[in-house]
Amino acid sequence: MVITQPLLTGGLTGSQVRAAVAQNTSDRIAIETARRQVVQAVSSDWSQLLSGRAGVVAGQAGVEAATMTLKGSQAEYGFALRTTLDVLIADENLREAQITLAESRHDTYLAEASVLDVSGRLETRYLLPGEPLYDPARSFYNVRSADDTPLDPLVAEADQLGAPTTQSHESLSKALTEMSTQPKLVIH
């Protein structure tokens, strides 16, 4: 066994070790930076989700209050205690409360999607549970068979009449394998 070691390297080995240590430190800093960014994004998105849910609850209470106000104004209008303008204003307040509720729901959906995205789980099955997932094979079949006529299955069957069956392919393959494993007779 022979081991060769250069006597003078001119500092190359030490330089390579220092470069590797510096690269390792740089990689660790990059990993820590990415981890902190993900934690910050999750915290921010989670806060938005919680505020969105609180906004939905407040929006529902606002819609209920505006509905009661409108019903009261309509009842008082029936007894000539309110004017038409009062009823229209109460109706406008109800519409504004419904719009605010819809916006809160929208913001909540976006926050949920953002939390799922940051956590790496933004997929259809998490966003729309119970909905059928996209099946590319089925979609391909639907597109491919979109122009089929009622006679196409019969034509496909007729095309298969003269074709060898799978069983004949298997028996042919088996026979070829047996022929290749048998000793060969060589005549000189």
N, C-alpha and C. Protein backbone atom coordinates (compact mmCIF):
# COMPACT_ATOMS: atom_id res chain seq x y z
N MET A 1 0.84 -1.16 0.00
CA MET A 1 0.00 0.00 0.00
C MET A 1 0.89 1.24 0.00
N VAL A 2 0.55 2.17 -0.86
CA VAL A 2 1.35 3.38 -0.99
C VAL A 2 0.43 4.58 -0.80
N ILE A 3 0.82 5.46 0.06
CA ILE A 3 0.06 6.70 0.29
C ILE A 3 0.94 7.84 -0.16
N THR A 4 0.36 8.72 -0.96
CA THR A 4 1.12 9.88 -1.41
C THR A 4 0.52 11.12 -0.77
N GLN A 5 1.36 11.96 -0.26
CA GLN A 5 0.96 13.21 0.37
C GLN A 5 1.92 14.28 -0.12
N PRO A 6 1.37 15.35 -0.71
CA PRO A 6 2.29 16.39 -1.16
C PRO A 6 2.95 17.09 0.04
N LEU A 7 4.22 17.42 -0.09
CA LEU A 7 4.92 18.08 0.99
C LEU A 7 4.54 19.55 1.10
N LEU A 8 4.39 20.21 -0.04
CA LEU A 8 4.02 21.62 -0.04
C LEU A 8 2.76 21.81 -0.88
N THR A 9 1.76 22.39 -0.29
CA THR A 9 0.52 22.61 -1.04
C THR A 9 0.30 24.09 -1.32
N GLY A 10 1.11 24.92 -0.77
CA GLY A 10 0.96 26.35 -1.02
C GLY A 10 -0.28 26.92 -0.36
N GLY A 11 -0.80 26.27 0.66
CA GLY A 11 -1.99 26.76 1.37
C GLY A 11 -3.30 26.36 0.72
N LEU A 12 -3.23 25.53 -0.33
CA LEU A 12 -4.45 25.13 -1.06
C LEU A 12 -5.41 24.36 -0.17
N THR A 13 -4.92 23.41 0.61
CA THR A 13 -5.79 22.59 1.45
C THR A 13 -6.48 23.44 2.50
N GLY A 14 -5.74 24.29 3.16
CA GLY A 14 -6.33 25.18 4.17
C GLY A 14 -7.35 26.11 3.55
N SER A 15 -7.06 26.60 2.37
CA SER A 15 -7.98 27.49 1.67
C SER A 15 -9.28 26.77 1.32
N GLN A 16 -9.16 25.53 0.86
CA GLN A 16 -10.36 24.75 0.52
C GLN A 16 -11.19 24.45 1.77
N VAL A 17 -10.55 24.18 2.90
CA VAL A 17 -11.28 23.94 4.15
C VAL A 17 -11.99 25.21 4.58
N ARG A 18 -11.32 26.34 4.53
CA ARG A 18 -11.96 27.61 4.91
C ARG A 18 -13.13 27.94 3.99
N ALA A 19 -12.99 27.67 2.69
CA ALA A 19 -14.08 27.92 1.73
C ALA A 19 -15.27 27.01 2.03
N ALA A 20 -15.01 25.74 2.36
CA ALA A 20 -16.10 24.83 2.69
C ALA A 20 -16.81 25.24 3.96
N VAL A 21 -16.06 25.69 4.98
CA VAL A 21 -16.67 26.16 6.23
C VAL A 21 -17.51 27.41 5.96
N ALA A 22 -16.99 28.33 5.14
CA ALA A 22 -17.73 29.55 4.81
C ALA A 22 -19.01 29.22 4.04
N GLN A 23 -18.95 28.27 3.10
CA GLN A 23 -20.14 27.86 2.35
C GLN A 23 -21.16 27.23 3.27
N ASN A 24 -20.69 26.40 4.20
CA ASN A 24 -21.59 25.75 5.16
C ASN A 24 -22.28 26.81 6.03
N THR A 25 -21.53 27.79 6.50
CA THR A 25 -22.12 28.86 7.30
C THR A 25 -23.13 29.66 6.49
N SER A 26 -22.80 29.95 5.25
CA SER A 26 -23.72 30.68 4.37
C SER A 26 -25.00 29.89 4.14
N ASP A 27 -24.89 28.59 3.94
CA ASP A 27 -26.08 27.74 3.76
C ASP A 27 -26.95 27.72 5.01
N ARG A 28 -26.30 27.65 6.18
CA ARG A 28 -27.07 27.65 7.43
C ARG A 28 -27.81 28.97 7.62
N ILE A 29 -27.17 30.07 7.27
CA ILE A 29 -27.83 31.38 7.38
C ILE A 29 -29.01 31.45 6.41
N ALA A 30 -28.84 30.94 5.19
CA ALA A 30 -29.93 30.95 4.20
C ALA A 30 -31.10 30.10 4.69
N ILE A 31 -30.81 28.96 5.29
CA ILE A 31 -31.88 28.09 5.81
C ILE A 31 -32.62 28.79 6.94
N GLU A 32 -31.88 29.44 7.83
CA GLU A 32 -32.51 30.14 8.96
C GLU A 32 -33.35 31.32 8.47
N THR A 33 -32.86 32.02 7.45
CA THR A 33 -33.62 33.14 6.87
C THR A 33 -34.93 32.63 6.26
N ALA A 34 -34.85 31.54 5.52
CA ALA A 34 -36.07 30.98 4.91
C ALA A 34 -37.04 30.51 5.99
N ARG A 35 -36.53 29.90 7.07
CA ARG A 35 -37.39 29.45 8.15
C ARG A 35 -38.10 30.63 8.80
N ARG A 36 -37.36 31.70 9.04
CA ARG A 36 -37.97 32.89 9.67
C ARG A 36 -39.02 33.52 8.76
N GLN A 37 -38.75 33.54 7.46
CA GLN A 37 -39.73 34.10 6.52
C GLN A 37 -41.01 33.28 6.52
N VAL A 38 -40.89 31.96 6.57
CA VAL A 38 -42.07 31.10 6.60
C VAL A 38 -42.85 31.31 7.90
N VAL A 39 -42.15 31.40 9.02
CA VAL A 39 -42.82 31.62 10.30
C VAL A 39 -43.54 32.96 10.29
N GLN A 40 -42.89 33.98 9.74
CA GLN A 40 -43.51 35.30 9.67
C GLN A 40 -44.74 35.27 8.76
N ALA A 41 -44.64 34.60 7.62
CA ALA A 41 -45.77 34.51 6.69
C ALA A 41 -46.93 33.75 7.32
N VAL A 42 -46.64 32.66 8.01
CA VAL A 42 -47.71 31.90 8.66
C VAL A 42 -48.37 32.74 9.74
N SER A 43 -47.58 33.45 10.54
CA SER A 43 -48.15 34.30 11.60
C SER A 43 -49.04 35.38 11.01
N SER A 44 -48.56 36.03 9.97
CA SER A 44 -49.35 37.09 9.33
C SER A 44 -50.64 36.55 8.73
N ASP A 45 -50.52 35.45 8.00
CA ASP A 45 -51.71 34.87 7.37
C ASP A 45 -52.69 34.34 8.40
N TRP A 46 -52.17 33.78 9.49
CA TRP A 46 -53.05 33.27 10.54
C TRP A 46 -53.81 34.42 11.21
N SER A 47 -53.12 35.53 11.43
CA SER A 47 -53.78 36.71 12.02
C SER A 47 -54.87 37.22 11.09
N GLN A 48 -54.60 37.24 9.80
CA GLN A 48 -55.62 37.67 8.84
C GLN A 48 -56.81 36.71 8.85
N LEU A 49 -56.53 35.43 9.00
CA LEU A 49 -57.62 34.45 9.05
C LEU A 49 -58.49 34.68 10.29
N LEU A 50 -57.86 34.88 11.43
CA LEU A 50 -58.63 35.11 12.66
C LEU A 50 -59.44 36.40 12.58
N SER A 51 -58.84 37.46 12.04
CA SER A 51 -59.60 38.72 11.91
C SER A 51 -60.71 38.58 10.88
N GLY A 52 -60.47 37.78 9.84
CA GLY A 52 -61.53 37.55 8.85
C GLY A 52 -62.71 36.80 9.46
N ARG A 53 -62.41 35.80 10.28
CA ARG A 53 -63.50 35.06 10.96
C ARG A 53 -64.26 35.96 11.92
N ALA A 54 -63.54 36.83 12.63
CA ALA A 54 -64.22 37.77 13.52
C ALA A 54 -65.08 38.75 12.71
N GLY A 55 -64.56 39.14 11.54
CA GLY A 55 -65.34 40.02 10.66
C GLY A 55 -66.61 39.36 10.16
N VAL A 56 -66.55 38.05 9.90
CA VAL A 56 -67.75 37.33 9.46
C VAL A 56 -68.79 37.31 10.58
N VAL A 57 -68.34 37.05 11.79
CA VAL A 57 -69.28 37.03 12.93
C VAL A 57 -69.91 38.42 13.11
N ALA A 58 -69.07 39.46 13.05
CA ALA A 58 -69.59 40.82 13.18
C ALA A 58 -70.52 41.17 12.02
N GLY A 59 -70.17 40.73 10.83
CA GLY A 59 -71.01 40.99 9.66
C GLY A 59 -72.37 40.32 9.77
N GLN A 60 -72.38 39.09 10.30
CA GLN A 60 -73.66 38.40 10.49
C GLN A 60 -74.53 39.14 11.51
N ALA A 61 -73.90 39.61 12.58
CA ALA A 61 -74.65 40.39 13.58
C ALA A 61 -75.17 41.68 12.96
N GLY A 62 -74.36 42.32 12.11
CA GLY A 62 -74.79 43.54 11.44
C GLY A 62 -75.96 43.30 10.51
N VAL A 63 -75.94 42.18 9.78
CA VAL A 63 -77.05 41.85 8.88
C VAL A 63 -78.32 41.59 9.69
N GLU A 64 -78.18 40.87 10.80
CA GLU A 64 -79.36 40.60 11.64
C GLU A 64 -79.94 41.90 12.19
N ALA A 65 -79.06 42.81 12.66
CA ALA A 65 -79.53 44.09 13.20
C ALA A 65 -80.20 44.92 12.10
N ALA A 66 -79.59 44.97 10.93
CA ALA A 66 -80.17 45.75 9.84
C ALA A 66 -81.49 45.16 9.37
N THR A 67 -81.60 43.83 9.40
CA THR A 67 -82.86 43.18 9.02
C THR A 67 -83.97 43.55 10.01
N MET A 68 -83.62 43.52 11.29
CA MET A 68 -84.62 43.89 12.30
C MET A 68 -85.02 45.36 12.17
N THR A 69 -84.05 46.21 11.87
CA THR A 69 -84.34 47.63 11.69
C THR A 69 -85.26 47.84 10.50
N LEU A 70 -85.00 47.14 9.41
CA LEU A 70 -85.84 47.27 8.22
C LEU A 70 -87.25 46.78 8.51
N LYS A 71 -87.38 45.65 9.18
CA LYS A 71 -88.71 45.14 9.52
C LYS A 71 -89.45 46.11 10.42
N GLY A 72 -88.73 46.70 11.39
CA GLY A 72 -89.36 47.69 12.28
C GLY A 72 -89.79 48.92 11.52
N SER A 73 -88.94 49.39 10.61
CA SER A 73 -89.29 50.57 9.81
C SER A 73 -90.48 50.30 8.92
N GLN A 74 -90.54 49.09 8.35
CA GLN A 74 -91.69 48.74 7.51
C GLN A 74 -92.98 48.67 8.33
N ALA A 75 -92.88 48.11 9.53
CA ALA A 75 -94.07 48.03 10.39
C ALA A 75 -94.52 49.43 10.80
N GLU A 76 -93.57 50.29 11.16
CA GLU A 76 -93.92 51.66 11.54
C GLU A 76 -94.46 52.44 10.34
N TYR A 77 -93.95 52.14 9.14
CA TYR A 77 -94.47 52.78 7.93
C TYR A 77 -95.93 52.40 7.73
N GLY A 78 -96.26 51.15 8.06
CA GLY A 78 -97.64 50.69 7.93
C GLY A 78 -98.58 51.44 8.85
N PHE A 79 -98.06 51.94 9.98
CA PHE A 79 -98.89 52.72 10.91
C PHE A 79 -98.67 54.21 10.74
N ALA A 80 -98.01 54.60 9.66
CA ALA A 80 -97.74 56.01 9.31
C ALA A 80 -96.84 56.69 10.32
N LEU A 81 -95.94 55.92 10.98
CA LEU A 81 -94.98 56.52 11.91
C LEU A 81 -93.63 56.78 11.25
N ARG A 82 -93.40 56.18 10.08
CA ARG A 82 -92.16 56.38 9.32
C ARG A 82 -92.51 56.81 7.91
N THR A 83 -91.53 57.47 7.28
CA THR A 83 -91.74 57.89 5.89
C THR A 83 -91.13 56.85 4.95
N THR A 84 -91.42 57.01 3.69
CA THR A 84 -90.85 56.12 2.68
C THR A 84 -89.33 56.24 2.67
N LEU A 85 -88.84 57.44 2.88
CA LEU A 85 -87.40 57.66 2.93
C LEU A 85 -86.76 56.88 4.08
N ASP A 86 -87.41 56.82 5.23
CA ASP A 86 -86.88 56.05 6.37
C ASP A 86 -86.77 54.56 6.03
N VAL A 87 -87.77 54.05 5.34
CA VAL A 87 -87.75 52.63 4.95
C VAL A 87 -86.65 52.39 3.92
N LEU A 88 -86.47 53.31 2.98
CA LEU A 88 -85.41 53.16 1.97
C LEU A 88 -84.02 53.23 2.61
N ILE A 89 -83.86 54.09 3.58
CA ILE A 89 -82.56 54.19 4.27
C ILE A 89 -82.29 52.90 5.05
N ALA A 90 -83.30 52.35 5.71
CA ALA A 90 -83.13 51.08 6.44
C ALA A 90 -82.79 49.95 5.47
N ASP A 91 -83.42 49.97 4.30
CA ASP A 91 -83.11 48.96 3.28
C ASP A 91 -81.68 49.12 2.77
N GLU A 92 -81.26 50.36 2.58
CA GLU A 92 -79.89 50.61 2.14
C GLU A 92 -78.88 50.13 3.19
N ASN A 93 -79.19 50.36 4.45
CA ASN A 93 -78.31 49.89 5.53
C ASN A 93 -78.22 48.36 5.53
N LEU A 94 -79.32 47.70 5.26
CA LEU A 94 -79.30 46.24 5.18
C LEU A 94 -78.40 45.78 4.03
N ARG A 95 -78.51 46.41 2.87
CA ARG A 95 -77.67 46.04 1.72
C ARG A 95 -76.19 46.27 2.03
N GLU A 96 -75.88 47.38 2.69
CA GLU A 96 -74.49 47.66 3.06
C GLU A 96 -73.96 46.60 4.03
N ALA A 97 -74.79 46.18 4.98
CA ALA A 97 -74.38 45.14 5.93
C ALA A 97 -74.16 43.81 5.20
N GLN A 98 -75.01 43.51 4.22
CA GLN A 98 -74.82 42.28 3.45
C GLN A 98 -73.54 42.33 2.62
N ILE A 99 -73.22 43.49 2.06
CA ILE A 99 -71.99 43.64 1.29
C ILE A 99 -70.77 43.50 2.21
N THR A 100 -70.85 44.08 3.39
CA THR A 100 -69.75 43.97 4.36
C THR A 100 -69.54 42.51 4.76
N LEU A 101 -70.63 41.78 4.97
CA LEU A 101 -70.54 40.36 5.30
C LEU A 101 -69.90 39.57 4.16
N ALA A 102 -70.30 39.86 2.93
CA ALA A 102 -69.72 39.17 1.77
C ALA A 102 -68.23 39.47 1.65
N GLU A 103 -67.84 40.72 1.88
CA GLU A 103 -66.42 41.07 1.84
C GLU A 103 -65.64 40.35 2.94
N SER A 104 -66.23 40.24 4.13
CA SER A 104 -65.56 39.52 5.22
C SER A 104 -65.39 38.05 4.89
N ARG A 105 -66.40 37.45 4.29
CA ARG A 105 -66.28 36.05 3.87
C ARG A 105 -65.20 35.89 2.81
N HIS A 106 -65.17 36.83 1.87
CA HIS A 106 -64.14 36.82 0.82
C HIS A 106 -62.75 36.88 1.43
N ASP A 107 -62.56 37.83 2.36
CA ASP A 107 -61.25 37.97 3.01
C ASP A 107 -60.88 36.72 3.79
N THR A 108 -61.87 36.08 4.41
CA THR A 108 -61.61 34.85 5.16
C THR A 108 -61.19 33.73 4.22
N TYR A 109 -61.86 33.59 3.09
CA TYR A 109 -61.47 32.56 2.12
C TYR A 109 -60.04 32.79 1.62
N LEU A 110 -59.71 34.04 1.33
CA LEU A 110 -58.35 34.35 0.87
C LEU A 110 -57.32 34.04 1.96
N ALA A 111 -57.65 34.36 3.20
CA ALA A 111 -56.71 34.08 4.30
C ALA A 111 -56.54 32.58 4.49
N GLU A 112 -57.64 31.81 4.37
CA GLU A 112 -57.54 30.35 4.47
C GLU A 112 -56.64 29.80 3.36
N ALA A 113 -56.84 30.29 2.15
CA ALA A 113 -56.02 29.82 1.03
C ALA A 113 -54.56 30.21 1.24
N SER A 114 -54.32 31.39 1.79
CA SER A 114 -52.96 31.83 2.03
C SER A 114 -52.28 30.98 3.10
N VAL A 115 -53.01 30.64 4.17
CA VAL A 115 -52.44 29.77 5.21
C VAL A 115 -52.13 28.39 4.63
N LEU A 116 -53.03 27.87 3.81
CA LEU A 116 -52.77 26.57 3.18
C LEU A 116 -51.58 26.65 2.23
N ASP A 117 -51.45 27.76 1.52
CA ASP A 117 -50.33 27.92 0.59
C ASP A 117 -49.01 27.95 1.33
N VAL A 118 -48.94 28.73 2.40
CA VAL A 118 -47.69 28.85 3.14
C VAL A 118 -47.33 27.52 3.80
N SER A 119 -48.35 26.77 4.22
CA SER A 119 -48.07 25.48 4.87
C SER A 119 -47.89 24.35 3.85
N GLY A 120 -48.00 24.65 2.55
CA GLY A 120 -47.77 23.65 1.52
C GLY A 120 -48.95 22.71 1.30
N ARG A 121 -50.15 23.12 1.69
CA ARG A 121 -51.32 22.25 1.55
C ARG A 121 -52.42 22.89 0.71
N LEU A 122 -52.05 23.77 -0.20
CA LEU A 122 -53.02 24.43 -1.06
C LEU A 122 -53.39 23.49 -2.20
N GLU A 123 -54.35 22.65 -1.95
CA GLU A 123 -54.82 21.66 -2.91
C GLU A 123 -56.34 21.68 -2.93
N THR A 124 -56.91 21.19 -4.00
CA THR A 124 -58.36 21.20 -4.17
C THR A 124 -59.06 20.45 -3.05
N ARG A 125 -58.50 19.32 -2.64
CA ARG A 125 -59.19 18.53 -1.62
C ARG A 125 -59.29 19.26 -0.29
N TYR A 126 -58.41 20.23 -0.02
CA TYR A 126 -58.49 21.00 1.22
C TYR A 126 -59.37 22.24 1.05
N LEU A 127 -59.39 22.81 -0.15
CA LEU A 127 -60.20 24.00 -0.40
C LEU A 127 -61.67 23.67 -0.60
N LEU A 128 -61.94 22.60 -1.33
CA LEU A 128 -63.31 22.22 -1.64
C LEU A 128 -63.54 20.76 -1.26
N PRO A 129 -63.65 20.48 0.05
CA PRO A 129 -63.86 19.09 0.44
C PRO A 129 -65.19 18.57 -0.11
N GLY A 130 -65.16 17.35 -0.60
CA GLY A 130 -66.37 16.74 -1.15
C GLY A 130 -66.53 16.95 -2.64
N GLU A 131 -65.75 17.88 -3.22
CA GLU A 131 -65.85 18.12 -4.66
C GLU A 131 -65.02 17.07 -5.40
N PRO A 132 -65.47 16.64 -6.57
CA PRO A 132 -64.65 15.67 -7.32
C PRO A 132 -63.36 16.33 -7.81
N LEU A 133 -62.28 15.58 -7.70
CA LEU A 133 -60.98 16.09 -8.13
C LEU A 133 -60.82 15.91 -9.63
N TYR A 134 -59.97 16.72 -10.23
CA TYR A 134 -59.69 16.65 -11.66
C TYR A 134 -58.97 15.35 -11.97
N ASP A 135 -59.49 14.62 -12.93
CA ASP A 135 -58.88 13.37 -13.36
C ASP A 135 -58.41 13.56 -14.80
N PRO A 136 -57.09 13.67 -15.03
CA PRO A 136 -56.61 13.94 -16.39
C PRO A 136 -56.93 12.81 -17.36
N ALA A 137 -56.92 11.56 -16.89
CA ALA A 137 -57.22 10.44 -17.80
C ALA A 137 -58.67 10.51 -18.27
N ARG A 138 -59.58 10.81 -17.34
CA ARG A 138 -60.99 10.94 -17.71
C ARG A 138 -61.21 12.12 -18.65
N SER A 139 -60.54 13.22 -18.37
CA SER A 139 -60.67 14.39 -19.23
C SER A 139 -60.15 14.08 -20.63
N PHE A 140 -59.02 13.39 -20.72
CA PHE A 140 -58.47 13.00 -22.02
C PHE A 140 -59.46 12.11 -22.76
N TYR A 141 -60.06 11.15 -22.05
CA TYR A 141 -61.04 10.25 -22.68
C TYR A 141 -62.23 11.06 -23.19
N ASN A 142 -62.71 12.00 -22.38
CA ASN A 142 -63.86 12.82 -22.79
C ASN A 142 -63.55 13.63 -24.04
N VAL A 143 -62.35 14.22 -24.08
CA VAL A 143 -61.97 15.01 -25.25
C VAL A 143 -61.78 14.11 -26.46
N ARG A 144 -61.13 12.97 -26.24
CA ARG A 144 -60.85 12.05 -27.34
C ARG A 144 -62.13 11.46 -27.92
N SER A 145 -63.09 11.17 -27.07
CA SER A 145 -64.31 10.52 -27.53
C SER A 145 -65.43 11.52 -27.81
N ALA A 146 -65.12 12.82 -27.82
CA ALA A 146 -66.16 13.83 -28.03
C ALA A 146 -66.76 13.73 -29.43
N ASP A 147 -65.96 13.37 -30.42
CA ASP A 147 -66.45 13.31 -31.80
C ASP A 147 -66.82 11.89 -32.24
N ASP A 148 -66.87 10.95 -31.30
CA ASP A 148 -67.21 9.57 -31.65
C ASP A 148 -68.67 9.48 -32.12
N THR A 149 -68.86 8.56 -33.04
CA THR A 149 -70.22 8.28 -33.51
C THR A 149 -70.71 7.01 -32.82
N PRO A 150 -71.99 6.70 -32.90
CA PRO A 150 -72.49 5.48 -32.26
C PRO A 150 -71.89 4.20 -32.86
N LEU A 151 -71.34 4.28 -34.08
CA LEU A 151 -70.78 3.08 -34.72
C LEU A 151 -69.32 2.84 -34.35
N ASP A 152 -68.66 3.79 -33.71
CA ASP A 152 -67.24 3.64 -33.39
C ASP A 152 -66.94 2.40 -32.54
N PRO A 153 -67.72 2.05 -31.51
CA PRO A 153 -67.41 0.82 -30.77
C PRO A 153 -67.50 -0.43 -31.65
N LEU A 154 -68.45 -0.47 -32.57
CA LEU A 154 -68.58 -1.62 -33.46
C LEU A 154 -67.38 -1.71 -34.41
N VAL A 155 -66.94 -0.57 -34.91
CA VAL A 155 -65.78 -0.55 -35.81
C VAL A 155 -64.53 -1.01 -35.05
N ALA A 156 -64.39 -0.58 -33.80
CA ALA A 156 -63.23 -0.99 -32.99
C ALA A 156 -63.23 -2.49 -32.77
N GLU A 157 -64.40 -3.08 -32.53
CA GLU A 157 -64.51 -4.53 -32.37
C GLU A 157 -64.16 -5.24 -33.67
N ALA A 158 -64.62 -4.71 -34.79
CA ALA A 158 -64.33 -5.33 -36.08
C ALA A 158 -62.83 -5.26 -36.39
N ASP A 159 -62.18 -4.19 -35.98
CA ASP A 159 -60.74 -4.06 -36.18
C ASP A 159 -59.97 -5.11 -35.38
N GLN A 160 -60.51 -5.53 -34.26
CA GLN A 160 -59.82 -6.49 -33.40
C GLN A 160 -60.01 -7.95 -33.84
N LEU A 161 -60.89 -8.20 -34.81
CA LEU A 161 -61.17 -9.57 -35.22
C LEU A 161 -59.94 -10.29 -35.76
N GLY A 162 -59.16 -9.63 -36.58
CA GLY A 162 -58.00 -10.29 -37.18
C GLY A 162 -56.73 -10.13 -36.36
N ALA A 163 -56.77 -9.35 -35.30
CA ALA A 163 -55.56 -9.11 -34.50
C ALA A 163 -55.30 -10.28 -33.58
N PRO A 164 -54.02 -10.59 -33.33
CA PRO A 164 -53.71 -11.69 -32.40
C PRO A 164 -54.14 -11.30 -30.98
N THR A 165 -54.54 -12.28 -30.22
CA THR A 165 -54.98 -12.03 -28.85
C THR A 165 -53.78 -11.91 -27.93
N THR A 166 -54.00 -11.45 -26.75
CA THR A 166 -52.94 -11.32 -25.76
C THR A 166 -52.38 -12.68 -25.40
N GLN A 167 -53.25 -13.69 -25.37
CA GLN A 167 -52.82 -15.04 -25.02
C GLN A 167 -51.84 -15.57 -26.07
N SER A 168 -52.08 -15.30 -27.36
CA SER A 168 -51.15 -15.78 -28.39
C SER A 168 -49.83 -15.04 -28.30
N HIS A 169 -49.84 -13.76 -27.90
CA HIS A 169 -48.60 -13.02 -27.68
C HIS A 169 -47.80 -13.65 -26.55
N GLU A 170 -48.48 -14.03 -25.48
CA GLU A 170 -47.80 -14.63 -24.33
C GLU A 170 -47.21 -15.99 -24.69
N SER A 171 -47.96 -16.81 -25.44
CA SER A 171 -47.44 -18.13 -25.81
C SER A 171 -46.27 -18.00 -26.77
N LEU A 172 -46.31 -17.01 -27.68
CA LEU A 172 -45.20 -16.77 -28.59
C LEU A 172 -43.97 -16.32 -27.82
N SER A 173 -44.15 -15.43 -26.86
CA SER A 173 -43.04 -14.96 -26.04
C SER A 173 -42.43 -16.11 -25.24
N LYS A 174 -43.27 -16.99 -24.71
CA LYS A 174 -42.79 -18.14 -23.93
C LYS A 174 -41.99 -19.10 -24.82
N ALA A 175 -42.47 -19.33 -26.03
CA ALA A 175 -41.78 -20.23 -26.95
C ALA A 175 -40.41 -19.66 -27.34
N LEU A 176 -40.34 -18.36 -27.59
CA LEU A 176 -39.06 -17.74 -27.92
C LEU A 176 -38.09 -17.82 -26.76
N THR A 177 -38.58 -17.66 -25.55
CA THR A 177 -37.72 -17.76 -24.36
C THR A 177 -37.17 -19.17 -24.22
N GLU A 178 -38.02 -20.17 -24.44
CA GLU A 178 -37.58 -21.56 -24.32
C GLU A 178 -36.53 -21.89 -25.39
N MET A 179 -36.71 -21.35 -26.59
CA MET A 179 -35.76 -21.61 -27.66
C MET A 179 -34.40 -21.00 -27.34
N SER A 180 -34.41 -19.83 -26.70
CA SER A 180 -33.13 -19.18 -26.42
C SER A 180 -32.40 -19.84 -25.27
N THR A 181 -33.09 -20.57 -24.39
CA THR A 181 -32.42 -21.22 -23.26
C THR A 181 -31.97 -22.64 -23.57
N GLN A 182 -32.45 -23.24 -24.66
CA GLN A 182 -32.05 -24.61 -25.02
C GLN A 182 -30.64 -24.60 -25.60
N PRO A 183 -29.87 -25.68 -25.33
CA PRO A 183 -28.52 -25.75 -25.91
C PRO A 183 -28.60 -25.81 -27.43
N LYS A 184 -27.64 -25.18 -28.06
CA LYS A 184 -27.64 -25.12 -29.53
C LYS A 184 -26.68 -26.17 -30.07
N LEU A 185 -27.06 -26.76 -31.13
CA LEU A 185 -26.24 -27.78 -31.80
C LEU A 185 -25.36 -27.07 -32.82
N VAL A 186 -24.08 -27.21 -32.64
CA VAL A 186 -23.14 -26.56 -33.56
C VAL A 186 -22.42 -27.65 -34.32
N ILE A 187 -22.46 -27.63 -35.65
CA ILE A 187 -21.81 -28.60 -36.50
C ILE A 187 -20.61 -27.94 -37.15
N HIS A 188 -19.45 -28.66 -37.09
CA HIS A 188 -18.23 -28.13 -37.69
C HIS A 188 -17.95 -28.80 -38.98
